[in-house]
Structure formats: structure tokens, C-alpha cells
């Protein structure tokens, strides 16, 4: 028995020599598979005399199952430079009245005339 499936693939960013990708299924047997995204924003740690702001939207993930989201954005330009922020959120944290959010944290890329990085952390939108 064949079941028609559709979706899209994206680079997994891993270092597997076999060059793998991740698949997000958006339709199964003619029925849509619900996916969703979250917004995220915040301010980095204060280092080398400044901090940066950031804002972005996570990559899509399936709804109704345990999941995480990948995220990527650039910080604001402060002190004449910016940094990249990228990572994977923690698992979904359910809310009592429905919905969920994710926590995220990490460090920016190194950049600036005085090379440095910033820490960041926060929660996604619901």
C-alpha cells in the first residue's frame, strides 16, 4: 500500500560525512499535518561595553507531538558589528490553558574589533 506524503527538506547542519537533511512532512495521505512556528526576541549579555538586541522566528515543527525548533537570526549592529545566533530550542513546555512555549539559550558567534561573544537566553512566544 502506498501513502502519498509531501513536505520539504532542509539542511541538518550536522557534520555527517553522508550529508544528511531533515524532512518536515506537511501532508500525509492527502490530509494536512499541522505545523507551527514561534517568535523569539531578547537582549544579549553585556560584554566589552555593549549588548545587542535580536528578534526572529523559529523553523516550523509539527503540532501535537513532542518537538523542538531550530532557530537562526542576526543581532542588531552595536559597536559597529553584529553576531549570529543559532540553535535548537528545548522541548515544548505545556501551559495549563493550552498551547506551549520553548526555552532557548546559547552564545553568539565571535565578532567585533575586540573579538568576543555574548550569551543569550529566553522563551519563545506561545
PDB file of N, CA and C in Angstrom:
ATOM      1  N   UNK A   1       0.845  -1.174   0.000  1.00  0.00           N
ATOM      2  CA  UNK A   1       0.000   0.000   0.000  1.00  0.00           C
ATOM      3  C   UNK A   1       0.891   1.239   0.000  1.00  0.00           C
ATOM      4  N   UNK A   2       0.608   2.169  -0.889  1.00  0.00           N
ATOM      5  CA  UNK A   2       1.349   3.418  -0.960  1.00  0.00           C
ATOM      6  C   UNK A   2       0.528   4.541  -0.357  1.00  0.00           C
ATOM      7  N   UNK A   3       1.183   5.389   0.447  1.00  0.00           N
ATOM      8  CA  UNK A   3       0.532   6.546   1.054  1.00  0.00           C
ATOM      9  C   UNK A   3       1.240   7.788   0.538  1.00  0.00           C
ATOM     10  N   UNK A   4       0.502   8.680  -0.157  1.00  0.00           N
ATOM     11  CA  UNK A   4       1.161   9.902  -0.635  1.00  0.00           C
ATOM     12  C   UNK A   4       1.549  10.816   0.516  1.00  0.00           C
ATOM     13  N   UNK A   5       2.792  11.280   0.485  1.00  0.00           N
ATOM     14  CA  UNK A   5       3.342  12.147   1.519  1.00  0.00           C
ATOM     15  C   UNK A   5       4.018  13.323   0.823  1.00  0.00           C
ATOM     16  N   UNK A   6       3.858  14.533   1.377  1.00  0.00           N
ATOM     17  CA  UNK A   6       4.594  15.684   0.855  1.00  0.00           C
ATOM     18  C   UNK A   6       5.139  16.491   2.021  1.00  0.00           C
ATOM     19  N   UNK A   7       6.108  17.315   1.731  1.00  0.00           N
ATOM     20  CA  UNK A   7       6.761  18.126   2.747  1.00  0.00           C
ATOM     21  C   UNK A   7       7.955  18.830   2.144  1.00  0.00           C
ATOM     22  N   UNK A   8       8.895  19.203   2.967  1.00  0.00           N
ATOM     23  CA  UNK A   8      10.116  19.805   2.453  1.00  0.00           C
ATOM     24  C   UNK A   8      11.304  19.379   3.298  1.00  0.00           C
ATOM     25  N   UNK A   9      12.470  19.471   2.667  1.00  0.00           N
ATOM     26  CA  UNK A   9      13.717  19.092   3.338  1.00  0.00           C
ATOM     27  C   UNK A   9      14.529  20.347   3.589  1.00  0.00           C
ATOM     28  N   UNK A  10      15.320  20.302   4.654  1.00  0.00           N
ATOM     29  CA  UNK A  10      16.253  21.388   4.898  1.00  0.00           C
ATOM     30  C   UNK A  10      17.547  20.813   5.458  1.00  0.00           C
ATOM     31  N   UNK A  11      18.611  21.561   5.269  1.00  0.00           N
ATOM     32  CA  UNK A  11      19.948  21.132   5.694  1.00  0.00           C
ATOM     33  C   UNK A  11      19.961  20.902   7.192  1.00  0.00           C
ATOM     34  N   UNK A  12      20.542  19.788   7.607  1.00  0.00           N
ATOM     35  CA  UNK A  12      20.538  19.437   9.032  1.00  0.00           C
ATOM     36  C   UNK A  12      21.648  20.110   9.823  1.00  0.00           C
ATOM     37  N   UNK A  13      22.591  20.751   9.142  1.00  0.00           N
ATOM     38  CA  UNK A  13      23.710  21.442   9.804  1.00  0.00           C
ATOM     39  C   UNK A  13      24.588  20.512  10.632  1.00  0.00           C
ATOM     40  N   UNK A  14      24.467  19.204  10.427  1.00  0.00           N
ATOM     41  CA  UNK A  14      25.372  18.324  11.165  1.00  0.00           C
ATOM     42  C   UNK A  14      26.604  18.069  10.308  1.00  0.00           C
ATOM     43  N   UNK A  15      27.555  17.396  10.851  1.00  0.00           N
ATOM     44  CA  UNK A  15      28.802  17.175  10.139  1.00  0.00           C
ATOM     45  C   UNK A  15      28.939  15.735   9.683  1.00  0.00           C
ATOM     46  N   UNK A  16      27.810  15.106   9.413  1.00  0.00           N
ATOM     47  CA  UNK A  16      27.792  13.734   8.934  1.00  0.00           C
ATOM     48  C   UNK A  16      28.421  13.677   7.544  1.00  0.00           C
ATOM     49  N   UNK A  17      29.420  12.832   7.334  1.00  0.00           N
ATOM     50  CA  UNK A  17      30.044  12.752   6.009  1.00  0.00           C
ATOM     51  C   UNK A  17      29.069  12.264   4.933  1.00  0.00           C
ATOM     52  N   UNK A  18      27.934  11.692   5.334  1.00  0.00           N
ATOM     53  CA  UNK A  18      26.940  11.237   4.367  1.00  0.00           C
ATOM     54  C   UNK A  18      26.011  12.376   3.939  1.00  0.00           C
ATOM     55  N   UNK A  19      26.179  13.566   4.477  1.00  0.00           N
ATOM     56  CA  UNK A  19      25.405  14.755   4.117  1.00  0.00           C
ATOM     57  C   UNK A  19      23.907  14.517   4.282  1.00  0.00           C
ATOM     58  N   UNK A  20      23.437  14.588   5.492  1.00  0.00           N
ATOM     59  CA  UNK A  20      22.027  14.322   5.766  1.00  0.00           C
ATOM     60  C   UNK A  20      21.194  15.604   5.742  1.00  0.00           C
ATOM     61  N   UNK A  21      19.893  15.423   5.604  1.00  0.00           N
ATOM     62  CA  UNK A  21      18.914  16.508   5.646  1.00  0.00           C
ATOM     63  C   UNK A  21      17.793  16.089   6.577  1.00  0.00           C
ATOM     64  N   UNK A  22      17.009  17.056   7.030  1.00  0.00           N
ATOM     65  CA  UNK A  22      15.827  16.747   7.828  1.00  0.00           C
ATOM     66  C   UNK A  22      14.600  16.956   6.959  1.00  0.00           C
ATOM     67  N   UNK A  23      13.588  16.134   7.173  1.00  0.00           N
ATOM     68  CA  UNK A  23      12.351  16.202   6.416  1.00  0.00           C
ATOM     69  C   UNK A  23      11.227  16.648   7.326  1.00  0.00           C
ATOM     70  N   UNK A  24      10.466  17.638   6.893  1.00  0.00           N
ATOM     71  CA  UNK A  24       9.280  18.074   7.613  1.00  0.00           C
ATOM     72  C   UNK A  24       8.084  17.712   6.744  1.00  0.00           C
ATOM     73  N   UNK A  25       7.281  16.777   7.201  1.00  0.00           N
ATOM     74  CA  UNK A  25       6.107  16.335   6.446  1.00  0.00           C
ATOM     75  C   UNK A  25       4.975  17.322   6.672  1.00  0.00           C
ATOM     76  N   UNK A  26       4.394  17.827   5.584  1.00  0.00           N
ATOM     77  CA  UNK A  26       3.304  18.796   5.677  1.00  0.00           C
ATOM     78  C   UNK A  26       1.969  18.214   5.232  1.00  0.00           C
ATOM     79  N   UNK A  27       2.002  17.049   4.561  1.00  0.00           N
ATOM     80  CA  UNK A  27       0.767  16.394   4.142  1.00  0.00           C
ATOM     81  C   UNK A  27       0.961  14.887   4.148  1.00  0.00           C
ATOM     82  N   UNK A  28       0.006  14.165   4.732  1.00  0.00           N
ATOM     83  CA  UNK A  28       0.057  12.705   4.842  1.00  0.00           C
ATOM     84  C   UNK A  28      -1.264  12.146   4.341  1.00  0.00           C
ATOM     85  N   UNK A  29      -1.208  11.335   3.281  1.00  0.00           N
ATOM     86  CA  UNK A  29      -2.391  10.701   2.715  1.00  0.00           C
ATOM     87  C   UNK A  29      -3.473  11.735   2.393  1.00  0.00           C
ATOM     88  N   UNK A  30      -3.052  12.876   1.828  1.00  0.00           N
ATOM     89  CA  UNK A  30      -3.992  13.902   1.412  1.00  0.00           C
ATOM     90  C   UNK A  30      -4.481  14.819   2.520  1.00  0.00           C
ATOM     91  N   UNK A  31      -4.063  14.573   3.752  1.00  0.00           N
ATOM     92  CA  UNK A  31      -4.503  15.405   4.883  1.00  0.00           C
ATOM     93  C   UNK A  31      -3.336  16.268   5.361  1.00  0.00           C
ATOM     94  N   UNK A  32      -3.609  17.546   5.630  1.00  0.00           N
ATOM     95  CA  UNK A  32      -2.509  18.391   6.110  1.00  0.00           C
ATOM     96  C   UNK A  32      -2.032  17.978   7.493  1.00  0.00           C
ATOM     97  N   UNK A  33      -0.739  18.059   7.700  1.00  0.00           N
ATOM     98  CA  UNK A  33      -0.134  17.826   9.010  1.00  0.00           C
ATOM     99  C   UNK A  33       0.143  19.217   9.586  1.00  0.00           C
ATOM    100  N   UNK A  34      -0.529  19.586  10.673  1.00  0.00           N
ATOM    101  CA  UNK A  34      -0.349  20.947  11.193  1.00  0.00           C
ATOM    102  C   UNK A  34       1.087  21.205  11.650  1.00  0.00           C
ATOM    103  N   UNK A  35       1.621  22.339  11.241  1.00  0.00           N
ATOM    104  CA  UNK A  35       2.950  22.781  11.687  1.00  0.00           C
ATOM    105  C   UNK A  35       2.793  24.181  12.264  1.00  0.00           C
ATOM    106  N   UNK A  36       3.774  24.594  13.026  1.00  0.00           N
ATOM    107  CA  UNK A  36       3.715  25.919  13.623  1.00  0.00           C
ATOM    108  C   UNK A  36       5.110  26.458  13.838  1.00  0.00           C
ATOM    109  N   UNK A  37       5.196  27.758  14.104  1.00  0.00           N
ATOM    110  CA  UNK A  37       6.459  28.440  14.412  1.00  0.00           C
ATOM    111  C   UNK A  37       6.241  29.281  15.667  1.00  0.00           C
ATOM    112  N   UNK A  38       7.324  29.781  16.232  1.00  0.00           N
ATOM    113  CA  UNK A  38       7.267  30.695  17.375  1.00  0.00           C
ATOM    114  C   UNK A  38       8.166  31.886  17.076  1.00  0.00           C
ATOM    115  N   UNK A  39       7.806  33.022  17.598  1.00  0.00           N
ATOM    116  CA  UNK A  39       8.696  34.176  17.552  1.00  0.00           C
ATOM    117  C   UNK A  39       9.584  34.143  18.787  1.00  0.00           C
ATOM    118  N   UNK A  40      10.778  34.719  18.655  1.00  0.00           N
ATOM    119  CA  UNK A  40      11.672  34.841  19.802  1.00  0.00           C
ATOM    120  C   UNK A  40      12.381  36.174  19.711  1.00  0.00           C
ATOM    121  N   UNK A  41      12.741  36.721  20.860  1.00  0.00           N
ATOM    122  CA  UNK A  41      13.427  38.011  20.909  1.00  0.00           C
ATOM    123  C   UNK A  41      14.120  38.161  22.252  1.00  0.00           C
ATOM    124  N   UNK A  42      15.054  39.081  22.315  1.00  0.00           N
ATOM    125  CA  UNK A  42      15.719  39.320  23.583  1.00  0.00           C
ATOM    126  C   UNK A  42      16.893  40.266  23.447  1.00  0.00           C
ATOM    127  N   UNK A  43      17.671  40.324  24.510  1.00  0.00           N
ATOM    128  CA  UNK A  43      18.870  41.155  24.585  1.00  0.00           C
ATOM    129  C   UNK A  43      19.999  40.261  25.067  1.00  0.00           C
ATOM    130  N   UNK A  44      21.147  40.362  24.428  1.00  0.00           N
ATOM    131  CA  UNK A  44      22.294  39.537  24.817  1.00  0.00           C
ATOM    132  C   UNK A  44      22.889  40.034  26.130  1.00  0.00           C
ATOM    133  N   UNK A  45      23.830  39.293  26.642  1.00  0.00           N
ATOM    134  CA  UNK A  45      24.583  39.722  27.828  1.00  0.00           C
ATOM    135  C   UNK A  45      25.390  40.974  27.489  1.00  0.00           C
ATOM    136  N   UNK A  46      25.761  41.719  28.514  1.00  0.00           N
ATOM    137  CA  UNK A  46      26.557  42.941  28.364  1.00  0.00           C
ATOM    138  C   UNK A  46      28.018  42.552  28.476  1.00  0.00           C
ATOM    139  N   UNK A  47      28.741  42.645  27.376  1.00  0.00           N
ATOM    140  CA  UNK A  47      30.157  42.283  27.338  1.00  0.00           C
ATOM    141  C   UNK A  47      30.919  43.313  26.519  1.00  0.00           C
ATOM    142  N   UNK A  48      32.146  43.579  26.881  1.00  0.00           N
ATOM    143  CA  UNK A  48      33.036  44.510  26.181  1.00  0.00           C
ATOM    144  C   UNK A  48      32.329  45.860  25.969  1.00  0.00           C
ATOM    145  N   UNK A  49      31.560  46.286  26.962  1.00  0.00           N
ATOM    146  CA  UNK A  49      30.953  47.602  26.940  1.00  0.00           C
ATOM    147  C   UNK A  49      29.653  47.753  26.166  1.00  0.00           C
ATOM    148  N   UNK A  50      29.024  46.667  25.736  1.00  0.00           N
ATOM    149  CA  UNK A  50      27.776  46.793  24.985  1.00  0.00           C
ATOM    150  C   UNK A  50      26.999  45.476  25.007  1.00  0.00           C
ATOM    151  N   UNK A  51      25.765  45.539  24.527  1.00  0.00           N
ATOM    152  CA  UNK A  51      24.970  44.340  24.287  1.00  0.00           C
ATOM    153  C   UNK A  51      24.283  44.493  22.937  1.00  0.00           C
ATOM    154  N   UNK A  52      23.518  43.492  22.532  1.00  0.00           N
ATOM    155  CA  UNK A  52      22.809  43.503  21.251  1.00  0.00           C
ATOM    156  C   UNK A  52      21.375  43.035  21.471  1.00  0.00           C
ATOM    157  N   UNK A  53      20.487  43.490  20.626  1.00  0.00           N
ATOM    158  CA  UNK A  53      19.113  43.000  20.610  1.00  0.00           C
ATOM    159  C   UNK A  53      18.977  41.999  19.463  1.00  0.00           C
ATOM    160  N   UNK A  54      18.002  41.097  19.574  1.00  0.00           N
ATOM    161  CA  UNK A  54      17.746  40.154  18.498  1.00  0.00           C
ATOM    162  C   UNK A  54      16.268  39.814  18.450  1.00  0.00           C
ATOM    163  N   UNK A  55      15.819  39.413  17.280  1.00  0.00           N
ATOM    164  CA  UNK A  55      14.433  39.008  17.067  1.00  0.00           C
ATOM    165  C   UNK A  55      14.422  38.024  15.896  1.00  0.00           C
ATOM    166  N   UNK A  56      13.522  37.052  15.942  1.00  0.00           N
ATOM    167  CA  UNK A  56      13.440  36.090  14.854  1.00  0.00           C
ATOM    168  C   UNK A  56      12.235  35.188  14.986  1.00  0.00           C
ATOM    169  N   UNK A  57      12.127  34.252  14.047  1.00  0.00           N
ATOM    170  CA  UNK A  57      11.068  33.253  14.021  1.00  0.00           C
ATOM    171  C   UNK A  57      11.710  31.885  13.869  1.00  0.00           C
ATOM    172  N   UNK A  58      11.243  30.923  14.646  1.00  0.00           N
ATOM    173  CA  UNK A  58      11.803  29.577  14.568  1.00  0.00           C
ATOM    174  C   UNK A  58      11.434  28.917  13.245  1.00  0.00           C
ATOM    175  N   UNK A  59      12.119  27.820  12.940  1.00  0.00           N
ATOM    176  CA  UNK A  59      11.714  26.998  11.805  1.00  0.00           C
ATOM    177  C   UNK A  59      10.442  26.241  12.190  1.00  0.00           C
ATOM    178  N   UNK A  60       9.646  25.818  11.207  1.00  0.00           N
ATOM    179  CA  UNK A  60       8.415  25.083  11.508  1.00  0.00           C
ATOM    180  C   UNK A  60       8.703  23.741  12.178  1.00  0.00           C
ATOM    181  N   UNK A  61       7.735  23.290  12.964  1.00  0.00           N
ATOM    182  CA  UNK A  61       7.788  21.964  13.595  1.00  0.00           C
ATOM    183  C   UNK A  61       6.355  21.430  13.652  1.00  0.00           C
ATOM    184  N   UNK A  62       6.194  20.125  13.758  1.00  0.00           N
ATOM    185  CA  UNK A  62       4.843  19.552  13.810  1.00  0.00           C
ATOM    186  C   UNK A  62       4.117  19.941  15.094  1.00  0.00           C
ATOM    187  N   UNK A  63       2.813  20.052  14.998  1.00  0.00           N
ATOM    188  CA  UNK A  63       1.979  20.357  16.158  1.00  0.00           C
ATOM    189  C   UNK A  63       1.468  19.070  16.781  1.00  0.00           C
ATOM    190  N   UNK A  64       1.210  19.112  18.080  1.00  0.00           N
ATOM    191  CA  UNK A  64       0.571  17.992  18.756  1.00  0.00           C
ATOM    192  C   UNK A  64       1.460  16.826  19.106  1.00  0.00           C
ATOM    193  N   UNK A  65       2.771  16.934  18.898  1.00  0.00           N
ATOM    194  CA  UNK A  65       3.706  15.856  19.252  1.00  0.00           C
ATOM    195  C   UNK A  65       4.905  16.479  19.953  1.00  0.00           C
ATOM    196  N   UNK A  66       5.660  15.709  20.720  1.00  0.00           N
ATOM    197  CA  UNK A  66       6.891  16.266  21.320  1.00  0.00           C
ATOM    198  C   UNK A  66       7.817  16.781  20.214  1.00  0.00           C
ATOM    199  N   UNK A  67       8.346  17.983  20.402  1.00  0.00           N
ATOM    200  CA  UNK A  67       9.170  18.571  19.352  1.00  0.00           C
ATOM    201  C   UNK A  67      10.058  19.688  19.900  1.00  0.00           C
ATOM    202  N   UNK A  68      11.005  20.093  19.084  1.00  0.00           N
ATOM    203  CA  UNK A  68      11.847  21.263  19.303  1.00  0.00           C
ATOM    204  C   UNK A  68      11.818  22.074  18.012  1.00  0.00           C
ATOM    205  N   UNK A  69      12.413  23.252  18.030  1.00  0.00           N
ATOM    206  CA  UNK A  69      12.507  24.096  16.836  1.00  0.00           C
ATOM    207  C   UNK A  69      13.960  24.535  16.668  1.00  0.00           C
ATOM    208  N   UNK A  70      14.406  24.590  15.446  1.00  0.00           N
ATOM    209  CA  UNK A  70      15.686  25.223  15.144  1.00  0.00           C
ATOM    210  C   UNK A  70      15.436  26.720  14.980  1.00  0.00           C
ATOM    211  N   UNK A  71      16.450  27.537  15.307  1.00  0.00           N
ATOM    212  CA  UNK A  71      16.305  28.977  15.143  1.00  0.00           C
ATOM    213  C   UNK A  71      17.616  29.581  14.667  1.00  0.00           C
ATOM    214  N   UNK A  72      17.499  30.726  14.000  1.00  0.00           N
ATOM    215  CA  UNK A  72      18.662  31.441  13.474  1.00  0.00           C
ATOM    216  C   UNK A  72      18.271  32.898  13.277  1.00  0.00           C
ATOM    217  N   UNK A  73      19.150  33.806  13.661  1.00  0.00           N
ATOM    218  CA  UNK A  73      18.966  35.226  13.387  1.00  0.00           C
ATOM    219  C   UNK A  73      20.298  35.951  13.563  1.00  0.00           C
ATOM    220  N   UNK A  74      20.308  37.216  13.222  1.00  0.00           N
ATOM    221  CA  UNK A  74      21.452  38.095  13.483  1.00  0.00           C
ATOM    222  C   UNK A  74      21.061  39.073  14.575  1.00  0.00           C
ATOM    223  N   UNK A  75      22.035  39.502  15.354  1.00  0.00           N
ATOM    224  CA  UNK A  75      21.777  40.535  16.362  1.00  0.00           C
ATOM    225  C   UNK A  75      21.726  41.899  15.689  1.00  0.00           C
ATOM    226  N   UNK A  76      21.320  42.890  16.449  1.00  0.00           N
ATOM    227  CA  UNK A  76      21.411  44.276  15.993  1.00  0.00           C
ATOM    228  C   UNK A  76      22.888  44.642  15.844  1.00  0.00           C
ATOM    229  N   UNK A  77      23.136  45.694  15.081  1.00  0.00           N
ATOM    230  CA  UNK A  77      24.502  46.205  14.939  1.00  0.00           C
ATOM    231  C   UNK A  77      24.750  47.191  16.073  1.00  0.00           C
ATOM    232  N   UNK A  78      25.667  46.857  16.943  1.00  0.00           N
ATOM    233  CA  UNK A  78      26.070  47.724  18.046  1.00  0.00           C
ATOM    234  C   UNK A  78      27.589  47.691  18.111  1.00  0.00           C
ATOM    235  N   UNK A  79      28.195  48.803  18.449  1.00  0.00           N
ATOM    236  CA  UNK A  79      29.660  48.906  18.475  1.00  0.00           C
ATOM    237  C   UNK A  79      30.247  48.485  17.121  1.00  0.00           C
ATOM    238  N   UNK A  80      29.537  48.811  16.048  1.00  0.00           N
ATOM    239  CA  UNK A  80      29.942  48.583  14.646  1.00  0.00           C
ATOM    240  C   UNK A  80      30.106  47.115  14.264  1.00  0.00           C
ATOM    241  N   UNK A  81      29.341  46.228  14.859  1.00  0.00           N
ATOM    242  CA  UNK A  81      29.376  44.824  14.450  1.00  0.00           C
ATOM    243  C   UNK A  81      28.093  44.123  14.894  1.00  0.00           C
ATOM    244  N   UNK A  82      27.893  42.921  14.392  1.00  0.00           N
ATOM    245  CA  UNK A  82      26.761  42.088  14.786  1.00  0.00           C
ATOM    246  C   UNK A  82      27.254  40.653  14.964  1.00  0.00           C
ATOM    247  N   UNK A  83      26.396  39.804  15.504  1.00  0.00           N
ATOM    248  CA  UNK A  83      26.703  38.404  15.743  1.00  0.00           C
ATOM    249  C   UNK A  83      25.581  37.530  15.196  1.00  0.00           C
ATOM    250  N   UNK A  84      25.878  36.264  14.947  1.00  0.00           N
ATOM    251  CA  UNK A  84      24.853  35.284  14.606  1.00  0.00           C
ATOM    252  C   UNK A  84      24.387  34.593  15.875  1.00  0.00           C
ATOM    253  N   UNK A  85      23.098  34.257  15.889  1.00  0.00           N
ATOM    254  CA  UNK A  85      22.511  33.446  16.944  1.00  0.00           C
ATOM    255  C   UNK A  85      21.853  32.264  16.251  1.00  0.00           C
ATOM    256  N   UNK A  86      22.173  31.056  16.703  1.00  0.00           N
ATOM    257  CA  UNK A  86      21.539  29.872  16.131  1.00  0.00           C
ATOM    258  C   UNK A  86      21.544  28.752  17.143  1.00  0.00           C
ATOM    259  N   UNK A  87      20.564  27.869  17.028  1.00  0.00           N
ATOM    260  CA  UNK A  87      20.499  26.734  17.940  1.00  0.00           C
ATOM    261  C   UNK A  87      19.203  25.969  17.790  1.00  0.00           C
ATOM    262  N   UNK A  88      18.914  25.185  18.796  1.00  0.00           N
ATOM    263  CA  UNK A  88      17.700  24.371  18.856  1.00  0.00           C
ATOM    264  C   UNK A  88      17.049  24.651  20.203  1.00  0.00           C
ATOM    265  N   UNK A  89      15.758  24.915  20.190  1.00  0.00           N
ATOM    266  CA  UNK A  89      15.047  25.183  21.439  1.00  0.00           C
ATOM    267  C   UNK A  89      14.990  23.922  22.291  1.00  0.00           C
ATOM    268  N   UNK A  90      14.616  24.094  23.530  1.00  0.00           N
ATOM    269  CA  UNK A  90      14.302  22.953  24.368  1.00  0.00           C
ATOM    270  C   UNK A  90      12.947  22.397  23.958  1.00  0.00           C
ATOM    271  N   UNK A  91      12.525  21.307  24.587  1.00  0.00           N
ATOM    272  CA  UNK A  91      11.222  20.712  24.255  1.00  0.00           C
ATOM    273  C   UNK A  91      10.072  21.642  24.641  1.00  0.00           C
ATOM    274  N   UNK A  92       8.910  21.377  24.071  1.00  0.00           N
ATOM    275  CA  UNK A  92       7.718  22.177  24.352  1.00  0.00           C
ATOM    276  C   UNK A  92       7.362  22.099  25.834  1.00  0.00           C
ATOM    277  N   UNK A  93       7.040  23.250  26.419  1.00  0.00           N
ATOM    278  CA  UNK A  93       6.597  23.324  27.813  1.00  0.00           C
ATOM    279  C   UNK A  93       5.113  23.695  27.782  1.00  0.00           C
ATOM    280  N   UNK A  94       4.238  22.733  28.121  1.00  0.00           N
ATOM    281  CA  UNK A  94       2.799  22.990  28.015  1.00  0.00           C
ATOM    282  C   UNK A  94       2.317  24.019  29.031  1.00  0.00           C
ATOM    283  N   UNK A  95       1.287  24.748  28.634  1.00  0.00           N
ATOM    284  CA  UNK A  95       0.648  25.731  29.504  1.00  0.00           C
ATOM    285  C   UNK A  95      -0.677  25.171  30.012  1.00  0.00           C
ATOM    286  N   UNK A  96      -1.108  25.544  31.221  1.00  0.00           N
ATOM    287  CA  UNK A  96      -2.324  24.975  31.814  1.00  0.00           C
ATOM    288  C   UNK A  96      -3.579  25.157  30.951  1.00  0.00           C
ATOM    289  N   UNK A  97      -3.674  26.268  30.240  1.00  0.00           N
ATOM    290  CA  UNK A  97      -4.867  26.547  29.435  1.00  0.00           C
ATOM    291  C   UNK A  97      -4.682  26.211  27.965  1.00  0.00           C
ATOM    292  N   UNK A  98      -3.693  25.375  27.646  1.00  0.00           N
ATOM    293  CA  UNK A  98      -3.410  25.012  26.260  1.00  0.00           C
ATOM    294  C   UNK A  98      -2.251  25.813  25.707  1.00  0.00           C
ATOM    295  N   UNK A  99      -1.734  25.340  24.612  1.00  0.00           N
ATOM    296  CA  UNK A  99      -0.576  25.976  23.997  1.00  0.00           C
ATOM    297  C   UNK A  99       0.718  25.588  24.704  1.00  0.00           C
ATOM    298  N   UNK A 100       1.804  26.155  24.255  1.00  0.00           N
ATOM    299  CA  UNK A 100       3.110  25.842  24.831  1.00  0.00           C
ATOM    300  C   UNK A 100       4.116  26.902  24.410  1.00  0.00           C
ATOM    301  N   UNK A 101       5.270  26.849  25.026  1.00  0.00           N
ATOM    302  CA  UNK A 101       6.400  27.689  24.646  1.00  0.00           C
ATOM    303  C   UNK A 101       7.659  26.830  24.746  1.00  0.00           C
ATOM    304  N   UNK A 102       8.788  27.393  24.331  1.00  0.00           N
ATOM    305  CA  UNK A 102      10.078  26.711  24.393  1.00  0.00           C
ATOM    306  C   UNK A 102      11.092  27.653  25.035  1.00  0.00           C
ATOM    307  N   UNK A 103      12.029  27.105  25.755  1.00  0.00           N
ATOM    308  CA  UNK A 103      13.157  27.883  26.260  1.00  0.00           C
ATOM    309  C   UNK A 103      14.331  27.705  25.308  1.00  0.00           C
ATOM    310  N   UNK A 104      15.184  28.719  25.236  1.00  0.00           N
ATOM    311  CA  UNK A 104      16.370  28.640  24.392  1.00  0.00           C
ATOM    312  C   UNK A 104      17.503  29.401  25.064  1.00  0.00           C
ATOM    313  N   UNK A 105      18.725  29.034  24.771  1.00  0.00           N
ATOM    314  CA  UNK A 105      19.891  29.729  25.305  1.00  0.00           C
ATOM    315  C   UNK A 105      21.124  29.318  24.526  1.00  0.00           C
ATOM    316  N   UNK A 106      22.150  30.125  24.636  1.00  0.00           N
ATOM    317  CA  UNK A 106      23.399  29.806  23.958  1.00  0.00           C
ATOM    318  C   UNK A 106      24.331  30.993  23.945  1.00  0.00           C
ATOM    319  N   UNK A 107      25.271  30.957  23.014  1.00  0.00           N
ATOM    320  CA  UNK A 107      26.243  32.023  22.834  1.00  0.00           C
ATOM    321  C   UNK A 107      26.268  32.431  21.371  1.00  0.00           C
ATOM    322  N   UNK A 108      26.481  33.710  21.128  1.00  0.00           N
ATOM    323  CA  UNK A 108      26.594  34.222  19.766  1.00  0.00           C
ATOM    324  C   UNK A 108      27.907  33.756  19.155  1.00  0.00           C
ATOM    325  N   UNK A 109      28.050  34.024  17.860  1.00  0.00           N
ATOM    326  CA  UNK A 109      29.340  33.839  17.217  1.00  0.00           C
ATOM    327  C   UNK A 109      30.298  34.910  17.731  1.00  0.00           C
ATOM    328  N   UNK A 110      31.580  34.707  17.517  1.00  0.00           N
ATOM    329  CA  UNK A 110      32.610  35.675  17.917  1.00  0.00           C
ATOM    330  C   UNK A 110      32.728  36.714  16.809  1.00  0.00           C
ATOM    331  N   UNK A 111      32.762  38.006  17.201  1.00  0.00           N
ATOM    332  CA  UNK A 111      32.885  39.084  16.231  1.00  0.00           C
ATOM    333  C   UNK A 111      33.342  40.348  16.958  1.00  0.00           C
ATOM    334  N   UNK A 112      33.592  41.428  16.206  1.00  0.00           N
ATOM    335  CA  UNK A 112      33.944  42.721  16.775  1.00  0.00           C
ATOM    336  C   UNK A 112      35.417  43.044  16.637  1.00  0.00           C
ATOM    337  N   UNK A 113      35.745  44.345  16.739  1.00  0.00           N
ATOM    338  CA  UNK A 113      37.142  44.788  16.667  1.00  0.00           C
ATOM    339  C   UNK A 113      37.949  44.153  17.797  1.00  0.00           C
ATOM    340  N   UNK A 114      37.324  44.006  18.960  1.00  0.00           N
ATOM    341  CA  UNK A 114      37.896  43.256  20.075  1.00  0.00           C
ATOM    342  C   UNK A 114      37.107  41.936  20.111  1.00  0.00           C
ATOM    343  N   UNK A 115      37.575  40.884  19.447  1.00  0.00           N
ATOM    344  CA  UNK A 115      36.767  39.672  19.266  1.00  0.00           C
ATOM    345  C   UNK A 115      36.176  39.143  20.582  1.00  0.00           C
ATOM    346  N   UNK A 116      34.866  38.920  20.566  1.00  0.00           N
ATOM    347  CA  UNK A 116      34.146  38.493  21.765  1.00  0.00           C
ATOM    348  C   UNK A 116      32.835  37.846  21.340  1.00  0.00           C
ATOM    349  N   UNK A 117      32.145  37.265  22.304  1.00  0.00           N
ATOM    350  CA  UNK A 117      30.813  36.725  22.080  1.00  0.00           C
ATOM    351  C   UNK A 117      29.926  37.116  23.259  1.00  0.00           C
ATOM    352  N   UNK A 118      28.622  36.925  23.081  1.00  0.00           N
ATOM    353  CA  UNK A 118      27.637  37.259  24.106  1.00  0.00           C
ATOM    354  C   UNK A 118      26.794  36.025  24.399  1.00  0.00           C
ATOM    355  N   UNK A 119      26.320  35.919  25.617  1.00  0.00           N
ATOM    356  CA  UNK A 119      25.353  34.907  25.980  1.00  0.00           C
ATOM    357  C   UNK A 119      23.950  35.431  25.746  1.00  0.00           C
ATOM    358  N   UNK A 120      23.013  34.523  25.558  1.00  0.00           N
ATOM    359  CA  UNK A 120      21.610  34.919  25.403  1.00  0.00           C
ATOM    360  C   UNK A 120      20.731  33.793  25.943  1.00  0.00           C
ATOM    361  N   UNK A 121      19.513  34.106  26.330  1.00  0.00           N
ATOM    362  CA  UNK A 121      18.545  33.106  26.754  1.00  0.00           C
ATOM    363  C   UNK A 121      17.158  33.728  26.763  1.00  0.00           C
ATOM    364  N   UNK A 122      16.149  32.891  26.702  1.00  0.00           N
ATOM    365  CA  UNK A 122      14.790  33.405  26.725  1.00  0.00           C
ATOM    366  C   UNK A 122      13.770  32.318  26.504  1.00  0.00           C
ATOM    367  N   UNK A 123      12.548  32.767  26.271  1.00  0.00           N
ATOM    368  CA  UNK A 123      11.423  31.891  25.983  1.00  0.00           C
ATOM    369  C   UNK A 123      10.789  32.344  24.669  1.00  0.00           C
ATOM    370  N   UNK A 124      10.319  31.393  23.879  1.00  0.00           N
ATOM    371  CA  UNK A 124       9.634  31.751  22.654  1.00  0.00           C
ATOM    372  C   UNK A 124       8.237  32.278  22.961  1.00  0.00           C
ATOM    373  N   UNK A 125       7.603  32.815  21.942  1.00  0.00           N
ATOM    374  CA  UNK A 125       6.196  33.196  22.074  1.00  0.00           C
ATOM    375  C   UNK A 125       5.372  31.922  22.226  1.00  0.00           C
ATOM    376  N   UNK A 126       4.107  32.076  22.588  1.00  0.00           N
ATOM    377  CA  UNK A 126       3.223  30.923  22.774  1.00  0.00           C
ATOM    378  C   UNK A 126       2.824  30.353  21.424  1.00  0.00           C
TER     379      UNK A 126
END
